[in-house]
Amino acid sequence: MADNGPDTTVRSKPIMERHLQTMLLAIATMLIGWQGVTTFNLSQTSARQDERIVHLTQQVSEIHRELRDQRDNYVTFNEADRRFREHRHELDAINSRVRALEESR
């Protein structure tokens, strides 16, 4: 004996409800696909930026190395001033010797 009560009967869904569910499922699928493409593009962009950062880091290291090498070619202001005073002192000593020789003639 089959019980055909209102609680056990299977009612078919209206056509509009099925179309609405299909449209919502299609929209959800498109959103998931769009998210996948966007994530893929962002990961590619991130990889390119990582490569650029590595390249720029290498360039900065090279520039630092070149600056250290060039630093040995230049004299600091204090060192130049000290050398100038030494040369000036030597020049004054030579001038005083020349004067002494000229006066002794």
PDB file of N, CA and C in Angstrom:
ATOM      1  N   MET A   1       0.810  -1.152   0.000  1.00  0.00           N
ATOM      2  CA  MET A   1       0.000   0.000   0.000  1.00  0.00           C
ATOM      3  C   MET A   1       0.870   1.237   0.000  1.00  0.00           C
ATOM      4  N   ALA A   2       0.543   2.044  -0.882  1.00  0.00           N
ATOM      5  CA  ALA A   2       1.315   3.279  -1.046  1.00  0.00           C
ATOM      6  C   ALA A   2       0.647   4.399  -0.296  1.00  0.00           C
ATOM      7  N   ASP A   3       1.445   5.120   0.376  1.00  0.00           N
ATOM      8  CA  ASP A   3       0.939   6.266   1.122  1.00  0.00           C
ATOM      9  C   ASP A   3       1.106   7.494   0.254  1.00  0.00           C
ATOM     10  N   ASN A   4       0.052   8.089  -0.171  1.00  0.00           N
ATOM     11  CA  ASN A   4       0.090   9.260  -1.044  1.00  0.00           C
ATOM     12  C   ASN A   4      -0.266  10.516  -0.284  1.00  0.00           C
ATOM     13  N   GLY A   5       0.257  10.649   0.893  1.00  0.00           N
ATOM     14  CA  GLY A   5      -0.032  11.821   1.701  1.00  0.00           C
ATOM     15  C   GLY A   5       0.694  13.049   1.167  1.00  0.00           C
ATOM     16  N   PRO A   6       0.305  14.220   1.625  1.00  0.00           N
ATOM     17  CA  PRO A   6       0.909  15.452   1.126  1.00  0.00           C
ATOM     18  C   PRO A   6       2.384  15.578   1.477  1.00  0.00           C
ATOM     19  N   ASP A   7       2.850  14.876   2.520  1.00  0.00           N
ATOM     20  CA  ASP A   7       4.249  14.989   2.921  1.00  0.00           C
ATOM     21  C   ASP A   7       5.167  14.143   2.058  1.00  0.00           C
ATOM     22  N   THR A   8       4.675  13.129   1.408  1.00  0.00           N
ATOM     23  CA  THR A   8       5.528  12.202   0.672  1.00  0.00           C
ATOM     24  C   THR A   8       5.453  12.366  -0.830  1.00  0.00           C
ATOM     25  N   THR A   9       4.620  13.177  -1.333  1.00  0.00           N
ATOM     26  CA  THR A   9       4.509  13.341  -2.784  1.00  0.00           C
ATOM     27  C   THR A   9       5.670  14.187  -3.294  1.00  0.00           C
ATOM     28  N   VAL A  10       6.184  13.784  -4.418  1.00  0.00           N
ATOM     29  CA  VAL A  10       7.278  14.517  -5.059  1.00  0.00           C
ATOM     30  C   VAL A  10       6.665  15.481  -6.043  1.00  0.00           C
ATOM     31  N   ARG A  11       6.940  16.708  -5.839  1.00  0.00           N
ATOM     32  CA  ARG A  11       6.366  17.703  -6.728  1.00  0.00           C
ATOM     33  C   ARG A  11       7.467  18.164  -7.672  1.00  0.00           C
ATOM     34  N   SER A  12       7.150  18.307  -8.913  1.00  0.00           N
ATOM     35  CA  SER A  12       8.140  18.760  -9.890  1.00  0.00           C
ATOM     36  C   SER A  12       8.304  20.267  -9.756  1.00  0.00           C
ATOM     37  N   LYS A  13       9.546  20.721 -10.009  1.00  0.00           N
ATOM     38  CA  LYS A  13       9.830  22.145  -9.879  1.00  0.00           C
ATOM     39  C   LYS A  13       9.264  22.883 -11.080  1.00  0.00           C
ATOM     40  N   PRO A  14       8.795  24.070 -10.863  1.00  0.00           N
ATOM     41  CA  PRO A  14       8.311  24.852 -12.000  1.00  0.00           C
ATOM     42  C   PRO A  14       9.469  25.157 -12.953  1.00  0.00           C
ATOM     43  N   ILE A  15       9.157  25.347 -14.190  1.00  0.00           N
ATOM     44  CA  ILE A  15      10.164  25.583 -15.230  1.00  0.00           C
ATOM     45  C   ILE A  15      10.966  26.846 -14.927  1.00  0.00           C
ATOM     46  N   MET A  16      10.326  27.875 -14.463  1.00  0.00           N
ATOM     47  CA  MET A  16      11.016  29.138 -14.173  1.00  0.00           C
ATOM     48  C   MET A  16      12.068  28.946 -13.090  1.00  0.00           C
ATOM     49  N   GLU A  17      11.742  28.155 -12.066  1.00  0.00           N
ATOM     50  CA  GLU A  17      12.691  27.906 -10.979  1.00  0.00           C
ATOM     51  C   GLU A  17      13.910  27.147 -11.505  1.00  0.00           C
ATOM     52  N   ARG A  18      13.691  26.177 -12.388  1.00  0.00           N
ATOM     53  CA  ARG A  18      14.818  25.436 -12.968  1.00  0.00           C
ATOM     54  C   ARG A  18      15.696  26.348 -13.815  1.00  0.00           C
ATOM     55  N   HIS A  19      15.091  27.241 -14.585  1.00  0.00           N
ATOM     56  CA  HIS A  19      15.879  28.175 -15.400  1.00  0.00           C
ATOM     57  C   HIS A  19      16.671  29.133 -14.510  1.00  0.00           C
ATOM     58  N   LEU A  20      16.042  29.584 -13.434  1.00  0.00           N
ATOM     59  CA  LEU A  20      16.721  30.485 -12.507  1.00  0.00           C
ATOM     60  C   LEU A  20      17.915  29.782 -11.856  1.00  0.00           C
ATOM     61  N   GLN A  21      17.737  28.535 -11.453  1.00  0.00           N
ATOM     62  CA  GLN A  21      18.847  27.787 -10.865  1.00  0.00           C
ATOM     63  C   GLN A  21      19.970  27.583 -11.885  1.00  0.00           C
ATOM     64  N   THR A  22      19.601  27.304 -13.115  1.00  0.00           N
ATOM     65  CA  THR A  22      20.602  27.126 -14.172  1.00  0.00           C
ATOM     66  C   THR A  22      21.375  28.418 -14.398  1.00  0.00           C
ATOM     67  N   MET A  23      20.662  29.546 -14.412  1.00  0.00           N
ATOM     68  CA  MET A  23      21.333  30.835 -14.610  1.00  0.00           C
ATOM     69  C   MET A  23      22.261  31.146 -13.440  1.00  0.00           C
ATOM     70  N   LEU A  24      21.807  30.896 -12.208  1.00  0.00           N
ATOM     71  CA  LEU A  24      22.650  31.133 -11.036  1.00  0.00           C
ATOM     72  C   LEU A  24      23.881  30.234 -11.051  1.00  0.00           C
ATOM     73  N   LEU A  25      23.708  28.982 -11.461  1.00  0.00           N
ATOM     74  CA  LEU A  25      24.834  28.063 -11.561  1.00  0.00           C
ATOM     75  C   LEU A  25      25.822  28.533 -12.631  1.00  0.00           C
ATOM     76  N   ALA A  26      25.304  29.026 -13.758  1.00  0.00           N
ATOM     77  CA  ALA A  26      26.176  29.543 -14.821  1.00  0.00           C
ATOM     78  C   ALA A  26      26.936  30.773 -14.339  1.00  0.00           C
ATOM     79  N   ILE A  27      26.259  31.657 -13.617  1.00  0.00           N
ATOM     80  CA  ILE A  27      26.920  32.862 -13.086  1.00  0.00           C
ATOM     81  C   ILE A  27      28.002  32.465 -12.085  1.00  0.00           C
ATOM     82  N   ALA A  28      27.693  31.512 -11.203  1.00  0.00           N
ATOM     83  CA  ALA A  28      28.684  31.058 -10.219  1.00  0.00           C
ATOM     84  C   ALA A  28      29.886  30.433 -10.925  1.00  0.00           C
ATOM     85  N   THR A  29      29.635  29.647 -11.978  1.00  0.00           N
ATOM     86  CA  THR A  29      30.728  29.033 -12.738  1.00  0.00           C
ATOM     87  C   THR A  29      31.578  30.096 -13.420  1.00  0.00           C
ATOM     88  N   MET A  30      30.936  31.106 -14.000  1.00  0.00           N
ATOM     89  CA  MET A  30      31.690  32.183 -14.650  1.00  0.00           C
ATOM     90  C   MET A  30      32.529  32.948 -13.632  1.00  0.00           C
ATOM     91  N   LEU A  31      31.976  33.208 -12.454  1.00  0.00           N
ATOM     92  CA  LEU A  31      32.735  33.917 -11.416  1.00  0.00           C
ATOM     93  C   LEU A  31      33.945  33.109 -10.961  1.00  0.00           C
ATOM     94  N   ILE A  32      33.768  31.804 -10.816  1.00  0.00           N
ATOM     95  CA  ILE A  32      34.897  30.950 -10.429  1.00  0.00           C
ATOM     96  C   ILE A  32      35.959  30.952 -11.531  1.00  0.00           C
ATOM     97  N   GLY A  33      35.526  30.879 -12.787  1.00  0.00           N
ATOM     98  CA  GLY A  33      36.470  30.942 -13.910  1.00  0.00           C
ATOM     99  C   GLY A  33      37.192  32.271 -13.970  1.00  0.00           C
ATOM    100  N   TRP A  34      36.446  33.361 -13.790  1.00  0.00           N
ATOM    101  CA  TRP A  34      37.061  34.697 -13.794  1.00  0.00           C
ATOM    102  C   TRP A  34      38.083  34.813 -12.668  1.00  0.00           C
ATOM    103  N   GLN A  35      37.740  34.291 -11.491  1.00  0.00           N
ATOM    104  CA  GLN A  35      38.666  34.327 -10.360  1.00  0.00           C
ATOM    105  C   GLN A  35      39.935  33.539 -10.682  1.00  0.00           C
ATOM    106  N   GLY A  36      39.794  32.401 -11.341  1.00  0.00           N
ATOM    107  CA  GLY A  36      40.961  31.602 -11.724  1.00  0.00           C
ATOM    108  C   GLY A  36      41.863  32.346 -12.691  1.00  0.00           C
ATOM    109  N   VAL A  37      41.265  32.973 -13.706  1.00  0.00           N
ATOM    110  CA  VAL A  37      42.053  33.739 -14.683  1.00  0.00           C
ATOM    111  C   VAL A  37      42.730  34.920 -14.005  1.00  0.00           C
ATOM    112  N   THR A  38      42.009  35.616 -13.145  1.00  0.00           N
ATOM    113  CA  THR A  38      42.577  36.767 -12.438  1.00  0.00           C
ATOM    114  C   THR A  38      43.735  36.333 -11.542  1.00  0.00           C
ATOM    115  N   THR A  39      43.569  35.237 -10.832  1.00  0.00           N
ATOM    116  CA  THR A  39      44.640  34.727  -9.971  1.00  0.00           C
ATOM    117  C   THR A  39      45.856  34.350 -10.802  1.00  0.00           C
ATOM    118  N   PHE A  40      45.647  33.720 -11.943  1.00  0.00           N
ATOM    119  CA  PHE A  40      46.752  33.345 -12.827  1.00  0.00           C
ATOM    120  C   PHE A  40      47.487  34.588 -13.327  1.00  0.00           C
ATOM    121  N   ASN A  41      46.741  35.599 -13.756  1.00  0.00           N
ATOM    122  CA  ASN A  41      47.369  36.839 -14.234  1.00  0.00           C
ATOM    123  C   ASN A  41      48.148  37.530 -13.119  1.00  0.00           C
ATOM    124  N   LEU A  42      47.584  37.549 -11.917  1.00  0.00           N
ATOM    125  CA  LEU A  42      48.278  38.169 -10.787  1.00  0.00           C
ATOM    126  C   LEU A  42      49.554  37.416 -10.430  1.00  0.00           C
ATOM    127  N   SER A  43      49.515  36.097 -10.532  1.00  0.00           N
ATOM    128  CA  SER A  43      50.728  35.327 -10.226  1.00  0.00           C
ATOM    129  C   SER A  43      51.803  35.586 -11.277  1.00  0.00           C
ATOM    130  N   GLN A  44      51.408  35.746 -12.548  1.00  0.00           N
ATOM    131  CA  GLN A  44      52.384  36.090 -13.589  1.00  0.00           C
ATOM    132  C   GLN A  44      52.972  37.471 -13.334  1.00  0.00           C
ATOM    133  N   THR A  45      52.129  38.424 -12.981  1.00  0.00           N
ATOM    134  CA  THR A  45      52.602  39.776 -12.689  1.00  0.00           C
ATOM    135  C   THR A  45      53.548  39.759 -11.496  1.00  0.00           C
ATOM    136  N   SER A  46      53.201  39.002 -10.483  1.00  0.00           N
ATOM    137  CA  SER A  46      54.055  38.897  -9.297  1.00  0.00           C
ATOM    138  C   SER A  46      55.406  38.283  -9.653  1.00  0.00           C
ATOM    139  N   ALA A  47      55.409  37.279 -10.512  1.00  0.00           N
ATOM    140  CA  ALA A  47      56.671  36.653 -10.929  1.00  0.00           C
ATOM    141  C   ALA A  47      57.536  37.651 -11.687  1.00  0.00           C
ATOM    142  N   ARG A  48      56.924  38.447 -12.567  1.00  0.00           N
ATOM    143  CA  ARG A  48      57.690  39.462 -13.308  1.00  0.00           C
ATOM    144  C   ARG A  48      58.262  40.499 -12.353  1.00  0.00           C
ATOM    145  N   GLN A  49      57.471  40.916 -11.371  1.00  0.00           N
ATOM    146  CA  GLN A  49      57.960  41.903 -10.403  1.00  0.00           C
ATOM    147  C   GLN A  49      59.094  41.322  -9.563  1.00  0.00           C
ATOM    148  N   ASP A  50      58.998  40.045  -9.215  1.00  0.00           N
ATOM    149  CA  ASP A  50      60.086  39.408  -8.470  1.00  0.00           C
ATOM    150  C   ASP A  50      61.370  39.408  -9.292  1.00  0.00           C
ATOM    151  N   GLU A  51      61.260  39.112 -10.599  1.00  0.00           N
ATOM    152  CA  GLU A  51      62.437  39.136 -11.470  1.00  0.00           C
ATOM    153  C   GLU A  51      63.025  40.540 -11.540  1.00  0.00           C
ATOM    154  N   ARG A  52      62.166  41.542 -11.634  1.00  0.00           N
ATOM    155  CA  ARG A  52      62.653  42.927 -11.679  1.00  0.00           C
ATOM    156  C   ARG A  52      63.350  43.302 -10.380  1.00  0.00           C
ATOM    157  N   ILE A  53      62.789  42.891  -9.258  1.00  0.00           N
ATOM    158  CA  ILE A  53      63.397  43.202  -7.960  1.00  0.00           C
ATOM    159  C   ILE A  53      64.767  42.547  -7.853  1.00  0.00           C
ATOM    160  N   VAL A  54      64.877  41.301  -8.291  1.00  0.00           N
ATOM    161  CA  VAL A  54      66.174  40.617  -8.257  1.00  0.00           C
ATOM    162  C   VAL A  54      67.170  41.354  -9.139  1.00  0.00           C
ATOM    163  N   HIS A  55      66.743  41.753 -10.333  1.00  0.00           N
ATOM    164  CA  HIS A  55      67.624  42.476 -11.253  1.00  0.00           C
ATOM    165  C   HIS A  55      68.055  43.815 -10.655  1.00  0.00           C
ATOM    166  N   LEU A  56      67.114  44.559 -10.077  1.00  0.00           N
ATOM    167  CA  LEU A  56      67.450  45.850  -9.471  1.00  0.00           C
ATOM    168  C   LEU A  56      68.373  45.676  -8.270  1.00  0.00           C
ATOM    169  N   THR A  57      68.179  44.622  -7.501  1.00  0.00           N
ATOM    170  CA  THR A  57      69.056  44.348  -6.364  1.00  0.00           C
ATOM    171  C   THR A  57      70.474  44.084  -6.844  1.00  0.00           C
ATOM    172  N   GLN A  58      70.606  43.342  -7.940  1.00  0.00           N
ATOM    173  CA  GLN A  58      71.931  43.091  -8.506  1.00  0.00           C
ATOM    174  C   GLN A  58      72.566  44.387  -8.993  1.00  0.00           C
ATOM    175  N   GLN A  59      71.774  45.238  -9.634  1.00  0.00           N
ATOM    176  CA  GLN A  59      72.309  46.514 -10.107  1.00  0.00           C
ATOM    177  C   GLN A  59      72.774  47.380  -8.940  1.00  0.00           C
ATOM    178  N   VAL A  60      72.005  47.416  -7.863  1.00  0.00           N
ATOM    179  CA  VAL A  60      72.395  48.208  -6.690  1.00  0.00           C
ATOM    180  C   VAL A  60      73.696  47.661  -6.103  1.00  0.00           C
ATOM    181  N   SER A  61      73.837  46.342  -6.054  1.00  0.00           N
ATOM    182  CA  SER A  61      75.075  45.745  -5.544  1.00  0.00           C
ATOM    183  C   SER A  61      76.263  46.128  -6.417  1.00  0.00           C
ATOM    184  N   GLU A  62      76.070  46.112  -7.737  1.00  0.00           N
ATOM    185  CA  GLU A  62      77.147  46.513  -8.649  1.00  0.00           C
ATOM    186  C   GLU A  62      77.515  47.978  -8.446  1.00  0.00           C
ATOM    187  N   ILE A  63      76.523  48.832  -8.281  1.00  0.00           N
ATOM    188  CA  ILE A  63      76.786  50.263  -8.073  1.00  0.00           C
ATOM    189  C   ILE A  63      77.538  50.470  -6.762  1.00  0.00           C
ATOM    190  N   HIS A  64      77.163  49.752  -5.714  1.00  0.00           N
ATOM    191  CA  HIS A  64      77.872  49.870  -4.430  1.00  0.00           C
ATOM    192  C   HIS A  64      79.327  49.442  -4.589  1.00  0.00           C
ATOM    193  N   ARG A  65      79.547  48.346  -5.324  1.00  0.00           N
ATOM    194  CA  ARG A  65      80.904  47.864  -5.557  1.00  0.00           C
ATOM    195  C   ARG A  65      81.716  48.903  -6.329  1.00  0.00           C
ATOM    196  N   GLU A  66      81.114  49.485  -7.361  1.00  0.00           N
ATOM    197  CA  GLU A  66      81.804  50.515  -8.142  1.00  0.00           C
ATOM    198  C   GLU A  66      82.112  51.740  -7.287  1.00  0.00           C
ATOM    199  N   LEU A  67      81.180  52.130  -6.419  1.00  0.00           N
ATOM    200  CA  LEU A  67      81.423  53.275  -5.537  1.00  0.00           C
ATOM    201  C   LEU A  67      82.575  52.999  -4.578  1.00  0.00           C
ATOM    202  N   ARG A  68      82.634  51.779  -4.045  1.00  0.00           N
ATOM    203  CA  ARG A  68      83.746  51.430  -3.160  1.00  0.00           C
ATOM    204  C   ARG A  68      85.068  51.486  -3.920  1.00  0.00           C
ATOM    205  N   ASP A  69      85.066  50.997  -5.168  1.00  0.00           N
ATOM    206  CA  ASP A  69      86.285  51.045  -5.976  1.00  0.00           C
ATOM    207  C   ASP A  69      86.681  52.481  -6.286  1.00  0.00           C
ATOM    208  N   GLN A  70      85.714  53.333  -6.583  1.00  0.00           N
ATOM    209  CA  GLN A  70      86.006  54.729  -6.909  1.00  0.00           C
ATOM    210  C   GLN A  70      86.440  55.513  -5.681  1.00  0.00           C
ATOM    211  N   ARG A  71      85.987  55.112  -4.514  1.00  0.00           N
ATOM    212  CA  ARG A  71      86.333  55.820  -3.286  1.00  0.00           C
ATOM    213  C   ARG A  71      87.849  55.810  -3.068  1.00  0.00           C
ATOM    214  N   ASP A  72      88.518  54.745  -3.516  1.00  0.00           N
ATOM    215  CA  ASP A  72      89.969  54.662  -3.373  1.00  0.00           C
ATOM    216  C   ASP A  72      90.682  55.634  -4.302  1.00  0.00           C
ATOM    217  N   ASN A  73      90.032  56.097  -5.352  1.00  0.00           N
ATOM    218  CA  ASN A  73      90.651  57.009  -6.315  1.00  0.00           C
ATOM    219  C   ASN A  73      90.569  58.465  -5.885  1.00  0.00           C
ATOM    220  N   TYR A  74      89.763  58.770  -4.918  1.00  0.00           N
ATOM    221  CA  TYR A  74      89.556  60.154  -4.511  1.00  0.00           C
ATOM    222  C   TYR A  74      90.100  60.391  -3.108  1.00  0.00           C
ATOM    223  N   VAL A  75      90.444  61.644  -2.853  1.00  0.00           N
ATOM    224  CA  VAL A  75      90.982  62.041  -1.555  1.00  0.00           C
ATOM    225  C   VAL A  75      89.890  62.796  -0.805  1.00  0.00           C
ATOM    226  N   THR A  76      89.802  62.548   0.476  1.00  0.00           N
ATOM    227  CA  THR A  76      88.808  63.265   1.274  1.00  0.00           C
ATOM    228  C   THR A  76      89.254  64.715   1.457  1.00  0.00           C
ATOM    229  N   PHE A  77      88.331  65.558   1.837  1.00  0.00           N
ATOM    230  CA  PHE A  77      88.643  66.974   2.034  1.00  0.00           C
ATOM    231  C   PHE A  77      89.692  67.154   3.123  1.00  0.00           C
ATOM    232  N   ASN A  78      89.556  66.432   4.213  1.00  0.00           N
ATOM    233  CA  ASN A  78      90.514  66.555   5.319  1.00  0.00           C
ATOM    234  C   ASN A  78      91.912  66.122   4.890  1.00  0.00           C
ATOM    235  N   GLU A  79      91.985  65.038   4.131  1.00  0.00           N
ATOM    236  CA  GLU A  79      93.285  64.566   3.645  1.00  0.00           C
ATOM    237  C   GLU A  79      93.903  65.579   2.692  1.00  0.00           C
ATOM    238  N   ALA A  80      93.105  66.147   1.802  1.00  0.00           N
ATOM    239  CA  ALA A  80      93.614  67.159   0.866  1.00  0.00           C
ATOM    240  C   ALA A  80      94.088  68.390   1.621  1.00  0.00           C
ATOM    241  N   ASP A  81      93.359  68.810   2.634  1.00  0.00           N
ATOM    242  CA  ASP A  81      93.752  69.970   3.431  1.00  0.00           C
ATOM    243  C   ASP A  81      95.064  69.700   4.164  1.00  0.00           C
ATOM    244  N   ARG A  82      95.211  68.509   4.720  1.00  0.00           N
ATOM    245  CA  ARG A  82      96.449  68.148   5.420  1.00  0.00           C
ATOM    246  C   ARG A  82      97.631  68.166   4.457  1.00  0.00           C
ATOM    247  N   ARG A  83      97.445  67.563   3.261  1.00  0.00           N
ATOM    248  CA  ARG A  83      98.524  67.561   2.261  1.00  0.00           C
ATOM    249  C   ARG A  83      98.862  68.983   1.824  1.00  0.00           C
ATOM    250  N   PHE A  84      97.835  69.824   1.641  1.00  0.00           N
ATOM    251  CA  PHE A  84      98.071  71.213   1.234  1.00  0.00           C
ATOM    252  C   PHE A  84      98.908  71.937   2.287  1.00  0.00           C
ATOM    253  N   ARG A  85      98.577  71.750   3.561  1.00  0.00           N
ATOM    254  CA  ARG A  85      99.342  72.407   4.633  1.00  0.00           C
ATOM    255  C   ARG A  85     100.783  71.901   4.667  1.00  0.00           C
ATOM    256  N   GLU A  86     100.967  70.595   4.438  1.00  0.00           N
ATOM    257  CA  GLU A  86     102.333  70.055   4.400  1.00  0.00           C
ATOM    258  C   GLU A  86     103.134  70.683   3.263  1.00  0.00           C
ATOM    259  N   HIS A  87     102.533  70.741   2.067  1.00  0.00           N
ATOM    260  CA  HIS A  87     103.226  71.336   0.915  1.00  0.00           C
ATOM    261  C   HIS A  87     103.495  72.822   1.155  1.00  0.00           C
ATOM    262  N   ARG A  88     102.543  73.479   1.758  1.00  0.00           N
ATOM    263  CA  ARG A  88     102.716  74.908   2.049  1.00  0.00           C
ATOM    264  C   ARG A  88     103.875  75.113   3.024  1.00  0.00           C
ATOM    265  N   HIS A  89     103.951  74.246   4.032  1.00  0.00           N
ATOM    266  CA  HIS A  89     105.039  74.324   5.011  1.00  0.00           C
ATOM    267  C   HIS A  89     106.386  74.069   4.321  1.00  0.00           C
ATOM    268  N   GLU A  90     106.445  73.055   3.443  1.00  0.00           N
ATOM    269  CA  GLU A  90     107.682  72.767   2.707  1.00  0.00           C
ATOM    270  C   GLU A  90     108.055  73.934   1.801  1.00  0.00           C
ATOM    271  N   LEU A  91     107.071  74.535   1.146  1.00  0.00           N
ATOM    272  CA  LEU A  91     107.328  75.677   0.266  1.00  0.00           C
ATOM    273  C   LEU A  91     107.848  76.871   1.065  1.00  0.00           C
ATOM    274  N   ASP A  92     107.275  77.109   2.220  1.00  0.00           N
ATOM    275  CA  ASP A  92     107.762  78.198   3.079  1.00  0.00           C
ATOM    276  C   ASP A  92     109.204  77.938   3.512  1.00  0.00           C
ATOM    277  N   ALA A  93     109.519  76.681   3.830  1.00  0.00           N
ATOM    278  CA  ALA A  93     110.890  76.342   4.229  1.00  0.00           C
ATOM    279  C   ALA A  93     111.857  76.576   3.075  1.00  0.00           C
ATOM    280  N   ILE A  94     111.470  76.196   1.866  1.00  0.00           N
ATOM    281  CA  ILE A  94     112.336  76.414   0.692  1.00  0.00           C
ATOM    282  C   ILE A  94     112.503  77.901   0.436  1.00  0.00           C
ATOM    283  N   ASN A  95     111.416  78.668   0.535  1.00  0.00           N
ATOM    284  CA  ASN A  95     111.500  80.121   0.328  1.00  0.00           C
ATOM    285  C   ASN A  95     112.433  80.767   1.355  1.00  0.00           C
ATOM    286  N   SER A  96     112.365  80.333   2.593  1.00  0.00           N
ATOM    287  CA  SER A  96     113.246  80.918   3.611  1.00  0.00           C
ATOM    288  C   SER A  96     114.701  80.547   3.338  1.00  0.00           C
ATOM    289  N   ARG A  97     114.963  79.348   2.838  1.00  0.00           N
ATOM    290  CA  ARG A  97     116.336  78.965   2.488  1.00  0.00           C
ATOM    291  C   ARG A  97     116.847  79.781   1.312  1.00  0.00           C
ATOM    292  N   VAL A  98     115.956  80.015   0.317  1.00  0.00           N
ATOM    293  CA  VAL A  98     116.365  80.825  -0.845  1.00  0.00           C
ATOM    294  C   VAL A  98     116.678  82.244  -0.393  1.00  0.00           C
ATOM    295  N   ARG A  99     115.867  82.814   0.468  1.00  0.00           N
ATOM    296  CA  ARG A  99     116.116  84.168   0.977  1.00  0.00           C
ATOM    297  C   ARG A  99     117.452  84.228   1.732  1.00  0.00           C
ATOM    298  N   ALA A 100     117.690  83.196   2.526  1.00  0.00           N
ATOM    299  CA  ALA A 100     118.944  83.160   3.289  1.00  0.00           C
ATOM    300  C   ALA A 100     120.138  83.096   2.345  1.00  0.00           C
ATOM    301  N   LEU A 101     120.018  82.320   1.268  1.00  0.00           N
ATOM    302  CA  LEU A 101     121.117  82.232   0.297  1.00  0.00           C
ATOM    303  C   LEU A 101     121.301  83.552  -0.442  1.00  0.00           C
ATOM    304  N   GLU A 102     120.195  84.199  -0.803  1.00  0.00           N
ATOM    305  CA  GLU A 102     120.293  85.469  -1.525  1.00  0.00           C
ATOM    306  C   GLU A 102     120.883  86.560  -0.631  1.00  0.00           C
ATOM    307  N   GLU A 103     120.557  86.536   0.641  1.00  0.00           N
ATOM    308  CA  GLU A 103     121.076  87.547   1.559  1.00  0.00           C
ATOM    309  C   GLU A 103     122.561  87.325   1.846  1.00  0.00           C
ATOM    310  N   SER A 104     122.997  86.085   1.778  1.00  0.00           N
ATOM    311  CA  SER A 104     124.398  85.805   2.057  1.00  0.00           C
ATOM    312  C   SER A 104     125.299  86.157   0.881  1.00  0.00           C
ATOM    313  N   ARG A 105     124.829  86.442  -0.256  1.00  0.00           N
ATOM    314  CA  ARG A 105     125.616  86.813  -1.429  1.00  0.00           C
ATOM    315  C   ARG A 105     126.105  88.158  -1.314  1.00  0.00           C
TER     316      ARG A 105
END
